[in-house]
């Protein structure tokens, strides 16, 4: 089903919050976190959503959107990621690839 002017993220949010479907809506935070950590390798939010759909276990589908957004706002921020205090730094492709070692947390 497609509606003119309605993108995948908006549709996924409606499916999740209105109809109770288990989908992960991919916004900028989810896209950034998933690609930094290595959960996905996608250039666009739509491709990130597709990869998450294929890789996410059923038990994480319902709340994964919320978890990833909160993590992206609090820890894996766009301009100053808090890698030094990140609970998944040892699994994170972004952190492992840092040339100058760990990013210090100042906040």
PDB file of N, CA and C in Angstrom:
ATOM      1  N   UNK A   1       0.844  -1.185   0.000  1.00  0.00           N
ATOM      2  CA  UNK A   1       0.000   0.000   0.000  1.00  0.00           C
ATOM      3  C   UNK A   1       0.885   1.242   0.000  1.00  0.00           C
ATOM      4  N   UNK A   2       0.529   2.222  -0.779  1.00  0.00           N
ATOM      5  CA  UNK A   2       1.277   3.469  -0.847  1.00  0.00           C
ATOM      6  C   UNK A   2       0.306   4.642  -0.852  1.00  0.00           C
ATOM      7  N   UNK A   3       0.688   5.680  -0.154  1.00  0.00           N
ATOM      8  CA  UNK A   3      -0.100   6.909  -0.124  1.00  0.00           C
ATOM      9  C   UNK A   3       0.786   8.050  -0.599  1.00  0.00           C
ATOM     10  N   UNK A   4       0.323   8.840  -1.562  1.00  0.00           N
ATOM     11  CA  UNK A   4       1.125   9.960  -2.053  1.00  0.00           C
ATOM     12  C   UNK A   4       1.499  10.921  -0.917  1.00  0.00           C
ATOM     13  N   UNK A   5       2.774  11.277  -0.855  1.00  0.00           N
ATOM     14  CA  UNK A   5       3.235  12.233   0.140  1.00  0.00           C
ATOM     15  C   UNK A   5       3.541  11.639   1.500  1.00  0.00           C
ATOM     16  N   UNK A   6       3.316  10.346   1.659  1.00  0.00           N
ATOM     17  CA  UNK A   6       3.593   9.682   2.932  1.00  0.00           C
ATOM     18  C   UNK A   6       4.796   8.773   2.743  1.00  0.00           C
ATOM     19  N   UNK A   7       5.873   9.070   3.474  1.00  0.00           N
ATOM     20  CA  UNK A   7       7.090   8.271   3.362  1.00  0.00           C
ATOM     21  C   UNK A   7       7.060   7.078   4.287  1.00  0.00           C
ATOM     22  N   UNK A   8       8.095   6.273   4.177  1.00  0.00           N
ATOM     23  CA  UNK A   8       8.155   5.044   4.957  1.00  0.00           C
ATOM     24  C   UNK A   8       8.164   5.317   6.461  1.00  0.00           C
ATOM     25  N   UNK A   9       8.938   6.302   6.915  1.00  0.00           N
ATOM     26  CA  UNK A   9       9.016   6.568   8.354  1.00  0.00           C
ATOM     27  C   UNK A   9       7.652   6.909   8.920  1.00  0.00           C
ATOM     28  N   UNK A  10       6.947   7.806   8.277  1.00  0.00           N
ATOM     29  CA  UNK A  10       5.615   8.196   8.739  1.00  0.00           C
ATOM     30  C   UNK A  10       4.671   6.994   8.738  1.00  0.00           C
ATOM     31  N   UNK A  11       4.727   6.225   7.679  1.00  0.00           N
ATOM     32  CA  UNK A  11       3.873   5.036   7.592  1.00  0.00           C
ATOM     33  C   UNK A  11       4.210   4.042   8.698  1.00  0.00           C
ATOM     34  N   UNK A  12       5.495   3.838   8.963  1.00  0.00           N
ATOM     35  CA  UNK A  12       5.897   2.914  10.022  1.00  0.00           C
ATOM     36  C   UNK A  12       5.459   3.404  11.397  1.00  0.00           C
ATOM     37  N   UNK A  13       5.523   4.703  11.636  1.00  0.00           N
ATOM     38  CA  UNK A  13       5.077   5.254  12.918  1.00  0.00           C
ATOM     39  C   UNK A  13       3.575   5.012  13.097  1.00  0.00           C
ATOM     40  N   UNK A  14       2.807   5.258  12.051  1.00  0.00           N
ATOM     41  CA  UNK A  14       1.358   5.008  12.112  1.00  0.00           C
ATOM     42  C   UNK A  14       1.083   3.525  12.345  1.00  0.00           C
ATOM     43  N   UNK A  15       1.783   2.662  11.614  1.00  0.00           N
ATOM     44  CA  UNK A  15       1.589   1.218  11.782  1.00  0.00           C
ATOM     45  C   UNK A  15       1.903   0.782  13.211  1.00  0.00           C
ATOM     46  N   UNK A  16       2.962   1.345  13.785  1.00  0.00           N
ATOM     47  CA  UNK A  16       3.380   0.963  15.121  1.00  0.00           C
ATOM     48  C   UNK A  16       2.452   1.503  16.210  1.00  0.00           C
ATOM     49  N   UNK A  17       2.238   2.817  16.201  1.00  0.00           N
ATOM     50  CA  UNK A  17       1.522   3.446  17.303  1.00  0.00           C
ATOM     51  C   UNK A  17       0.007   3.415  17.175  1.00  0.00           C
ATOM     52  N   UNK A  18      -0.507   3.346  15.976  1.00  0.00           N
ATOM     53  CA  UNK A  18      -1.957   3.332  15.793  1.00  0.00           C
ATOM     54  C   UNK A  18      -2.493   1.904  15.656  1.00  0.00           C
ATOM     55  N   UNK A  19      -1.770   1.093  14.878  1.00  0.00           N
ATOM     56  CA  UNK A  19      -2.261  -0.252  14.589  1.00  0.00           C
ATOM     57  C   UNK A  19      -1.532  -1.353  15.348  1.00  0.00           C
ATOM     58  N   UNK A  20      -0.559  -0.975  16.182  1.00  0.00           N
ATOM     59  CA  UNK A  20       0.127  -1.958  17.011  1.00  0.00           C
ATOM     60  C   UNK A  20       1.022  -2.932  16.257  1.00  0.00           C
ATOM     61  N   UNK A  21       1.430  -2.590  15.056  1.00  0.00           N
ATOM     62  CA  UNK A  21       2.313  -3.465  14.272  1.00  0.00           C
ATOM     63  C   UNK A  21       3.740  -3.356  14.792  1.00  0.00           C
ATOM     64  N   UNK A  22       4.473  -4.424  14.702  1.00  0.00           N
ATOM     65  CA  UNK A  22       5.857  -4.455  15.144  1.00  0.00           C
ATOM     66  C   UNK A  22       6.782  -4.030  14.005  1.00  0.00           C
ATOM     67  N   UNK A  23       7.084  -2.728  13.964  1.00  0.00           N
ATOM     68  CA  UNK A  23       7.991  -2.162  12.964  1.00  0.00           C
ATOM     69  C   UNK A  23       8.909  -1.158  13.648  1.00  0.00           C
ATOM     70  N   UNK A  24      10.089  -0.978  13.091  1.00  0.00           N
ATOM     71  CA  UNK A  24      11.013   0.034  13.599  1.00  0.00           C
ATOM     72  C   UNK A  24      11.017   1.189  12.610  1.00  0.00           C
ATOM     73  N   UNK A  25      10.467   2.309  13.031  1.00  0.00           N
ATOM     74  CA  UNK A  25      10.480   3.513  12.193  1.00  0.00           C
ATOM     75  C   UNK A  25      11.884   4.109  12.256  1.00  0.00           C
ATOM     76  N   UNK A  26      12.453   4.420  11.116  1.00  0.00           N
ATOM     77  CA  UNK A  26      13.831   4.902  11.061  1.00  0.00           C
ATOM     78  C   UNK A  26      13.851   6.407  10.835  1.00  0.00           C
ATOM     79  N   UNK A  27      14.228   7.135  11.886  1.00  0.00           N
ATOM     80  CA  UNK A  27      14.437   8.575  11.768  1.00  0.00           C
ATOM     81  C   UNK A  27      15.944   8.816  11.742  1.00  0.00           C
ATOM     82  N   UNK A  28      16.359  10.066  11.845  1.00  0.00           N
ATOM     83  CA  UNK A  28      17.779  10.393  11.760  1.00  0.00           C
ATOM     84  C   UNK A  28      18.597   9.746  12.869  1.00  0.00           C
ATOM     85  N   UNK A  29      18.045   9.666  14.081  1.00  0.00           N
ATOM     86  CA  UNK A  29      18.770   9.068  15.202  1.00  0.00           C
ATOM     87  C   UNK A  29      18.970   7.571  14.982  1.00  0.00           C
ATOM     88  N   UNK A  30      17.920   6.883  14.605  1.00  0.00           N
ATOM     89  CA  UNK A  30      17.981   5.440  14.365  1.00  0.00           C
ATOM     90  C   UNK A  30      18.945   5.143  13.217  1.00  0.00           C
ATOM     91  N   UNK A  31      18.855   5.910  12.152  1.00  0.00           N
ATOM     92  CA  UNK A  31      19.738   5.723  10.995  1.00  0.00           C
ATOM     93  C   UNK A  31      21.205   5.895  11.401  1.00  0.00           C
ATOM     94  N   UNK A  32      21.506   6.955  12.143  1.00  0.00           N
ATOM     95  CA  UNK A  32      22.881   7.235  12.568  1.00  0.00           C
ATOM     96  C   UNK A  32      23.404   6.129  13.488  1.00  0.00           C
ATOM     97  N   UNK A  33      22.649   5.785  14.512  1.00  0.00           N
ATOM     98  CA  UNK A  33      23.089   4.785  15.483  1.00  0.00           C
ATOM     99  C   UNK A  33      23.324   3.431  14.816  1.00  0.00           C
ATOM    100  N   UNK A  34      22.374   2.991  14.024  1.00  0.00           N
ATOM    101  CA  UNK A  34      22.491   1.667  13.395  1.00  0.00           C
ATOM    102  C   UNK A  34      23.671   1.578  12.447  1.00  0.00           C
ATOM    103  N   UNK A  35      23.952   2.651  11.726  1.00  0.00           N
ATOM    104  CA  UNK A  35      25.084   2.634  10.805  1.00  0.00           C
ATOM    105  C   UNK A  35      26.410   2.809  11.529  1.00  0.00           C
ATOM    106  N   UNK A  36      26.449   3.586  12.601  1.00  0.00           N
ATOM    107  CA  UNK A  36      27.683   3.735  13.364  1.00  0.00           C
ATOM    108  C   UNK A  36      28.063   2.433  14.056  1.00  0.00           C
ATOM    109  N   UNK A  37      27.118   1.837  14.717  1.00  0.00           N
ATOM    110  CA  UNK A  37      27.396   0.620  15.479  1.00  0.00           C
ATOM    111  C   UNK A  37      27.732  -0.539  14.548  1.00  0.00           C
ATOM    112  N   UNK A  38      27.100  -0.558  13.389  1.00  0.00           N
ATOM    113  CA  UNK A  38      27.328  -1.640  12.444  1.00  0.00           C
ATOM    114  C   UNK A  38      26.150  -2.590  12.328  1.00  0.00           C
ATOM    115  N   UNK A  39      25.028  -2.191  12.891  1.00  0.00           N
ATOM    116  CA  UNK A  39      23.813  -3.004  12.759  1.00  0.00           C
ATOM    117  C   UNK A  39      23.338  -3.009  11.313  1.00  0.00           C
ATOM    118  N   UNK A  40      23.594  -1.902  10.620  1.00  0.00           N
ATOM    119  CA  UNK A  40      23.238  -1.776   9.210  1.00  0.00           C
ATOM    120  C   UNK A  40      24.403  -1.110   8.482  1.00  0.00           C
ATOM    121  N   UNK A  41      24.354  -1.185   7.175  1.00  0.00           N
ATOM    122  CA  UNK A  41      25.332  -0.498   6.329  1.00  0.00           C
ATOM    123  C   UNK A  41      24.536   0.090   5.176  1.00  0.00           C
ATOM    124  N   UNK A  42      23.932   1.249   5.432  1.00  0.00           N
ATOM    125  CA  UNK A  42      23.014   1.822   4.450  1.00  0.00           C
ATOM    126  C   UNK A  42      23.244   3.313   4.304  1.00  0.00           C
ATOM    127  N   UNK A  43      23.041   3.804   3.101  1.00  0.00           N
ATOM    128  CA  UNK A  43      23.207   5.233   2.819  1.00  0.00           C
ATOM    129  C   UNK A  43      21.930   6.023   3.093  1.00  0.00           C
ATOM    130  N   UNK A  44      20.781   5.365   3.092  1.00  0.00           N
ATOM    131  CA  UNK A  44      19.515   6.067   3.283  1.00  0.00           C
ATOM    132  C   UNK A  44      18.722   5.450   4.430  1.00  0.00           C
ATOM    133  N   UNK A  45      17.807   6.231   4.965  1.00  0.00           N
ATOM    134  CA  UNK A  45      16.943   5.742   6.036  1.00  0.00           C
ATOM    135  C   UNK A  45      16.066   4.589   5.549  1.00  0.00           C
ATOM    136  N   UNK A  46      15.614   4.645   4.303  1.00  0.00           N
ATOM    137  CA  UNK A  46      14.791   3.556   3.764  1.00  0.00           C
ATOM    138  C   UNK A  46      15.567   2.244   3.712  1.00  0.00           C
ATOM    139  N   UNK A  47      16.823   2.321   3.310  1.00  0.00           N
ATOM    140  CA  UNK A  47      17.645   1.100   3.268  1.00  0.00           C
ATOM    141  C   UNK A  47      17.960   0.607   4.674  1.00  0.00           C
ATOM    142  N   UNK A  48      18.171   1.539   5.597  1.00  0.00           N
ATOM    143  CA  UNK A  48      18.378   1.150   6.991  1.00  0.00           C
ATOM    144  C   UNK A  48      17.146   0.418   7.503  1.00  0.00           C
ATOM    145  N   UNK A  49      15.963   0.951   7.210  1.00  0.00           N
ATOM    146  CA  UNK A  49      14.719   0.313   7.641  1.00  0.00           C
ATOM    147  C   UNK A  49      14.598  -1.097   7.080  1.00  0.00           C
ATOM    148  N   UNK A  50      14.928  -1.256   5.821  1.00  0.00           N
ATOM    149  CA  UNK A  50      14.846  -2.580   5.187  1.00  0.00           C
ATOM    150  C   UNK A  50      15.802  -3.561   5.846  1.00  0.00           C
ATOM    151  N   UNK A  51      17.032  -3.111   6.100  1.00  0.00           N
ATOM    152  CA  UNK A  51      18.005  -3.988   6.750  1.00  0.00           C
ATOM    153  C   UNK A  51      17.589  -4.340   8.170  1.00  0.00           C
ATOM    154  N   UNK A  52      17.049  -3.372   8.904  1.00  0.00           N
ATOM    155  CA  UNK A  52      16.573  -3.659  10.255  1.00  0.00           C
ATOM    156  C   UNK A  52      15.415  -4.648  10.233  1.00  0.00           C
ATOM    157  N   UNK A  53      14.539  -4.490   9.276  1.00  0.00           N
ATOM    158  CA  UNK A  53      13.406  -5.390   9.124  1.00  0.00           C
ATOM    159  C   UNK A  53      13.885  -6.837   8.941  1.00  0.00           C
ATOM    160  N   UNK A  54      14.961  -7.006   8.206  1.00  0.00           N
ATOM    161  CA  UNK A  54      15.507  -8.337   7.935  1.00  0.00           C
ATOM    162  C   UNK A  54      16.304  -8.902   9.108  1.00  0.00           C
ATOM    163  N   UNK A  55      16.928  -8.024   9.924  1.00  0.00           N
ATOM    164  CA  UNK A  55      17.886  -8.477  10.940  1.00  0.00           C
ATOM    165  C   UNK A  55      17.388  -8.431  12.382  1.00  0.00           C
ATOM    166  N   UNK A  56      16.337  -7.687  12.646  1.00  0.00           N
ATOM    167  CA  UNK A  56      15.896  -7.494  14.023  1.00  0.00           C
ATOM    168  C   UNK A  56      15.065  -8.675  14.502  1.00  0.00           C
ATOM    169  N   UNK A  57      15.391  -9.210  15.682  1.00  0.00           N
ATOM    170  CA  UNK A  57      14.587 -10.305  16.213  1.00  0.00           C
ATOM    171  C   UNK A  57      13.177  -9.817  16.567  1.00  0.00           C
ATOM    172  N   UNK A  58      12.226 -10.706  16.497  1.00  0.00           N
ATOM    173  CA  UNK A  58      10.822 -10.349  16.766  1.00  0.00           C
ATOM    174  C   UNK A  58      10.647  -9.628  18.098  1.00  0.00           C
ATOM    175  N   UNK A  59      11.332 -10.078  19.148  1.00  0.00           N
ATOM    176  CA  UNK A  59      11.135  -9.510  20.479  1.00  0.00           C
ATOM    177  C   UNK A  59      11.568  -8.042  20.559  1.00  0.00           C
ATOM    178  N   UNK A  60      12.407  -7.577  19.627  1.00  0.00           N
ATOM    179  CA  UNK A  60      12.898  -6.198  19.660  1.00  0.00           C
ATOM    180  C   UNK A  60      12.155  -5.269  18.704  1.00  0.00           C
ATOM    181  N   UNK A  61      11.292  -5.812  17.887  1.00  0.00           N
ATOM    182  CA  UNK A  61      10.619  -4.995  16.878  1.00  0.00           C
ATOM    183  C   UNK A  61       9.703  -3.931  17.486  1.00  0.00           C
ATOM    184  N   UNK A  62       8.955  -4.272  18.488  1.00  0.00           N
ATOM    185  CA  UNK A  62       7.963  -3.349  19.055  1.00  0.00           C
ATOM    186  C   UNK A  62       8.596  -2.100  19.671  1.00  0.00           C
ATOM    187  N   UNK A  63       9.642  -2.286  20.470  1.00  0.00           N
ATOM    188  CA  UNK A  63      10.229  -1.167  21.210  1.00  0.00           C
ATOM    189  C   UNK A  63      11.575  -0.701  20.666  1.00  0.00           C
ATOM    190  N   UNK A  64      12.088  -1.370  19.647  1.00  0.00           N
ATOM    191  CA  UNK A  64      13.395  -1.027  19.094  1.00  0.00           C
ATOM    192  C   UNK A  64      13.507   0.418  18.647  1.00  0.00           C
ATOM    193  N   UNK A  65      12.447   0.935  18.046  1.00  0.00           N
ATOM    194  CA  UNK A  65      12.414   2.327  17.591  1.00  0.00           C
ATOM    195  C   UNK A  65      12.701   3.266  18.759  1.00  0.00           C
ATOM    196  N   UNK A  66      11.994   3.084  19.852  1.00  0.00           N
ATOM    197  CA  UNK A  66      12.145   3.936  21.031  1.00  0.00           C
ATOM    198  C   UNK A  66      13.546   3.794  21.626  1.00  0.00           C
ATOM    199  N   UNK A  67      14.035   2.568  21.777  1.00  0.00           N
ATOM    200  CA  UNK A  67      15.368   2.345  22.355  1.00  0.00           C
ATOM    201  C   UNK A  67      16.450   3.030  21.543  1.00  0.00           C
ATOM    202  N   UNK A  68      16.385   2.869  20.230  1.00  0.00           N
ATOM    203  CA  UNK A  68      17.417   3.436  19.370  1.00  0.00           C
ATOM    204  C   UNK A  68      17.384   4.964  19.339  1.00  0.00           C
ATOM    205  N   UNK A  69      16.188   5.541  19.365  1.00  0.00           N
ATOM    206  CA  UNK A  69      16.069   7.007  19.400  1.00  0.00           C
ATOM    207  C   UNK A  69      16.663   7.548  20.699  1.00  0.00           C
ATOM    208  N   UNK A  70      16.301   6.968  21.815  1.00  0.00           N
ATOM    209  CA  UNK A  70      16.812   7.430  23.104  1.00  0.00           C
ATOM    210  C   UNK A  70      18.326   7.290  23.181  1.00  0.00           C
ATOM    211  N   UNK A  71      18.856   6.177  22.687  1.00  0.00           N
ATOM    212  CA  UNK A  71      20.293   5.957  22.675  1.00  0.00           C
ATOM    213  C   UNK A  71      20.988   6.989  21.789  1.00  0.00           C
ATOM    214  N   UNK A  72      20.386   7.310  20.650  1.00  0.00           N
ATOM    215  CA  UNK A  72      20.942   8.300  19.732  1.00  0.00           C
ATOM    216  C   UNK A  72      20.910   9.711  20.280  1.00  0.00           C
ATOM    217  N   UNK A  73      19.952  10.011  21.115  1.00  0.00           N
ATOM    218  CA  UNK A  73      19.859  11.345  21.717  1.00  0.00           C
ATOM    219  C   UNK A  73      20.765  11.489  22.933  1.00  0.00           C
ATOM    220  N   UNK A  74      20.925  10.415  23.710  1.00  0.00           N
ATOM    221  CA  UNK A  74      21.661  10.502  24.962  1.00  0.00           C
ATOM    222  C   UNK A  74      23.133  10.111  24.857  1.00  0.00           C
ATOM    223  N   UNK A  75      23.466   9.125  24.046  1.00  0.00           N
ATOM    224  CA  UNK A  75      24.827   8.597  24.017  1.00  0.00           C
ATOM    225  C   UNK A  75      25.483   8.784  22.653  1.00  0.00           C
ATOM    226  N   UNK A  76      24.855   8.287  21.623  1.00  0.00           N
ATOM    227  CA  UNK A  76      25.438   8.291  20.280  1.00  0.00           C
ATOM    228  C   UNK A  76      24.951   9.516  19.505  1.00  0.00           C
ATOM    229  N   UNK A  77      25.262  10.686  20.042  1.00  0.00           N
ATOM    230  CA  UNK A  77      24.799  11.939  19.459  1.00  0.00           C
ATOM    231  C   UNK A  77      25.549  12.244  18.167  1.00  0.00           C
ATOM    232  N   UNK A  78      24.966  13.086  17.347  1.00  0.00           N
ATOM    233  CA  UNK A  78      25.532  13.373  16.029  1.00  0.00           C
ATOM    234  C   UNK A  78      26.901  14.047  16.105  1.00  0.00           C
ATOM    235  N   UNK A  79      27.021  15.084  16.886  1.00  0.00           N
ATOM    236  CA  UNK A  79      28.251  15.877  16.880  1.00  0.00           C
ATOM    237  C   UNK A  79      29.266  15.480  17.939  1.00  0.00           C
ATOM    238  N   UNK A  80      28.804  14.971  19.054  1.00  0.00           N
ATOM    239  CA  UNK A  80      29.733  14.614  20.133  1.00  0.00           C
ATOM    240  C   UNK A  80      29.315  13.295  20.777  1.00  0.00           C
ATOM    241  N   UNK A  81      29.525  12.187  20.076  1.00  0.00           N
ATOM    242  CA  UNK A  81      29.123  10.904  20.658  1.00  0.00           C
ATOM    243  C   UNK A  81      29.903  10.624  21.941  1.00  0.00           C
ATOM    244  N   UNK A  82      29.232  10.049  22.900  1.00  0.00           N
ATOM    245  CA  UNK A  82      29.817   9.775  24.211  1.00  0.00           C
ATOM    246  C   UNK A  82      30.423   8.369  24.241  1.00  0.00           C
ATOM    247  N   UNK A  83      31.366   8.123  23.351  1.00  0.00           N
ATOM    248  CA  UNK A  83      31.955   6.791  23.196  1.00  0.00           C
ATOM    249  C   UNK A  83      32.616   6.298  24.484  1.00  0.00           C
ATOM    250  N   UNK A  84      33.170   7.211  25.258  1.00  0.00           N
ATOM    251  CA  UNK A  84      33.855   6.832  26.490  1.00  0.00           C
ATOM    252  C   UNK A  84      32.943   6.229  27.535  1.00  0.00           C
ATOM    253  N   UNK A  85      31.651   6.510  27.457  1.00  0.00           N
ATOM    254  CA  UNK A  85      30.700   5.953  28.423  1.00  0.00           C
ATOM    255  C   UNK A  85      29.681   5.035  27.763  1.00  0.00           C
ATOM    256  N   UNK A  86      29.870   4.731  26.510  1.00  0.00           N
ATOM    257  CA  UNK A  86      28.910   3.926  25.759  1.00  0.00           C
ATOM    258  C   UNK A  86      28.962   2.461  26.194  1.00  0.00           C
ATOM    259  N   UNK A  87      27.811   1.885  26.506  1.00  0.00           N
ATOM    260  CA  UNK A  87      27.799   0.486  26.944  1.00  0.00           C
ATOM    261  C   UNK A  87      28.058  -0.520  25.825  1.00  0.00           C
ATOM    262  N   UNK A  88      28.026  -0.092  24.573  1.00  0.00           N
ATOM    263  CA  UNK A  88      28.284  -1.022  23.464  1.00  0.00           C
ATOM    264  C   UNK A  88      29.514  -0.616  22.653  1.00  0.00           C
ATOM    265  N   UNK A  89      30.389   0.199  23.236  1.00  0.00           N
ATOM    266  CA  UNK A  89      31.565   0.685  22.508  1.00  0.00           C
ATOM    267  C   UNK A  89      32.423  -0.462  21.981  1.00  0.00           C
ATOM    268  N   UNK A  90      32.559  -1.522  22.744  1.00  0.00           N
ATOM    269  CA  UNK A  90      33.410  -2.634  22.314  1.00  0.00           C
ATOM    270  C   UNK A  90      32.824  -3.396  21.119  1.00  0.00           C
ATOM    271  N   UNK A  91      31.548  -3.183  20.824  1.00  0.00           N
ATOM    272  CA  UNK A  91      30.891  -3.810  19.677  1.00  0.00           C
ATOM    273  C   UNK A  91      30.720  -2.847  18.508  1.00  0.00           C
ATOM    274  N   UNK A  92      31.052  -1.589  18.723  1.00  0.00           N
ATOM    275  CA  UNK A  92      30.747  -0.510  17.781  1.00  0.00           C
ATOM    276  C   UNK A  92      31.832  -0.328  16.728  1.00  0.00           C
ATOM    277  N   UNK A  93      31.448  -0.407  15.453  1.00  0.00           N
ATOM    278  CA  UNK A  93      32.400  -0.211  14.355  1.00  0.00           C
ATOM    279  C   UNK A  93      32.973   1.207  14.332  1.00  0.00           C
ATOM    280  N   UNK A  94      32.167   2.198  14.657  1.00  0.00           N
ATOM    281  CA  UNK A  94      32.620   3.591  14.690  1.00  0.00           C
ATOM    282  C   UNK A  94      33.710   3.759  15.747  1.00  0.00           C
ATOM    283  N   UNK A  95      33.470   3.248  16.943  1.00  0.00           N
ATOM    284  CA  UNK A  95      34.408   3.375  18.060  1.00  0.00           C
ATOM    285  C   UNK A  95      35.716   2.645  17.758  1.00  0.00           C
ATOM    286  N   UNK A  96      35.614   1.440  17.253  1.00  0.00           N
ATOM    287  CA  UNK A  96      36.785   0.633  16.954  1.00  0.00           C
ATOM    288  C   UNK A  96      37.665   1.303  15.896  1.00  0.00           C
ATOM    289  N   UNK A  97      37.032   2.024  14.966  1.00  0.00           N
ATOM    290  CA  UNK A  97      37.775   2.647  13.869  1.00  0.00           C
ATOM    291  C   UNK A  97      38.341   4.021  14.204  1.00  0.00           C
ATOM    292  N   UNK A  98      38.097   4.544  15.408  1.00  0.00           N
ATOM    293  CA  UNK A  98      38.609   5.862  15.758  1.00  0.00           C
ATOM    294  C   UNK A  98      40.136   5.865  15.718  1.00  0.00           C
ATOM    295  N   UNK A  99      40.740   6.811  14.986  1.00  0.00           N
ATOM    296  CA  UNK A  99      42.195   6.824  14.855  1.00  0.00           C
ATOM    297  C   UNK A  99      42.921   7.286  16.121  1.00  0.00           C
ATOM    298  N   UNK A 100      42.305   8.134  16.910  1.00  0.00           N
ATOM    299  CA  UNK A 100      42.980   8.719  18.077  1.00  0.00           C
ATOM    300  C   UNK A 100      42.605   8.027  19.381  1.00  0.00           C
ATOM    301  N   UNK A 101      42.033   6.846  19.303  1.00  0.00           N
ATOM    302  CA  UNK A 101      41.620   6.152  20.512  1.00  0.00           C
ATOM    303  C   UNK A 101      40.244   6.576  20.937  1.00  0.00           C
ATOM    304  N   UNK A 102      39.852   6.183  22.127  1.00  0.00           N
ATOM    305  CA  UNK A 102      38.510   6.473  22.611  1.00  0.00           C
ATOM    306  C   UNK A 102      38.193   7.958  22.693  1.00  0.00           C
ATOM    307  N   UNK A 103      36.947   8.292  22.427  1.00  0.00           N
ATOM    308  CA  UNK A 103      36.458   9.660  22.567  1.00  0.00           C
ATOM    309  C   UNK A 103      36.127   9.851  24.033  1.00  0.00           C
ATOM    310  N   UNK A 104      36.698  10.863  24.636  1.00  0.00           N
ATOM    311  CA  UNK A 104      36.447  11.120  26.060  1.00  0.00           C
ATOM    312  C   UNK A 104      35.068  11.722  26.253  1.00  0.00           C
ATOM    313  N   UNK A 105      34.436  11.309  27.312  1.00  0.00           N
ATOM    314  CA  UNK A 105      33.126  11.869  27.654  1.00  0.00           C
ATOM    315  C   UNK A 105      33.341  13.063  28.558  1.00  0.00           C
ATOM    316  N   UNK A 106      32.777  14.193  28.169  1.00  0.00           N
ATOM    317  CA  UNK A 106      32.942  15.411  28.977  1.00  0.00           C
ATOM    318  C   UNK A 106      31.648  15.837  29.644  1.00  0.00           C
ATOM    319  N   UNK A 107      30.561  15.154  29.359  1.00  0.00           N
ATOM    320  CA  UNK A 107      29.309  15.543  29.995  1.00  0.00           C
ATOM    321  C   UNK A 107      28.778  14.461  30.864  1.00  0.00           C
TER     322      UNK A 107
END
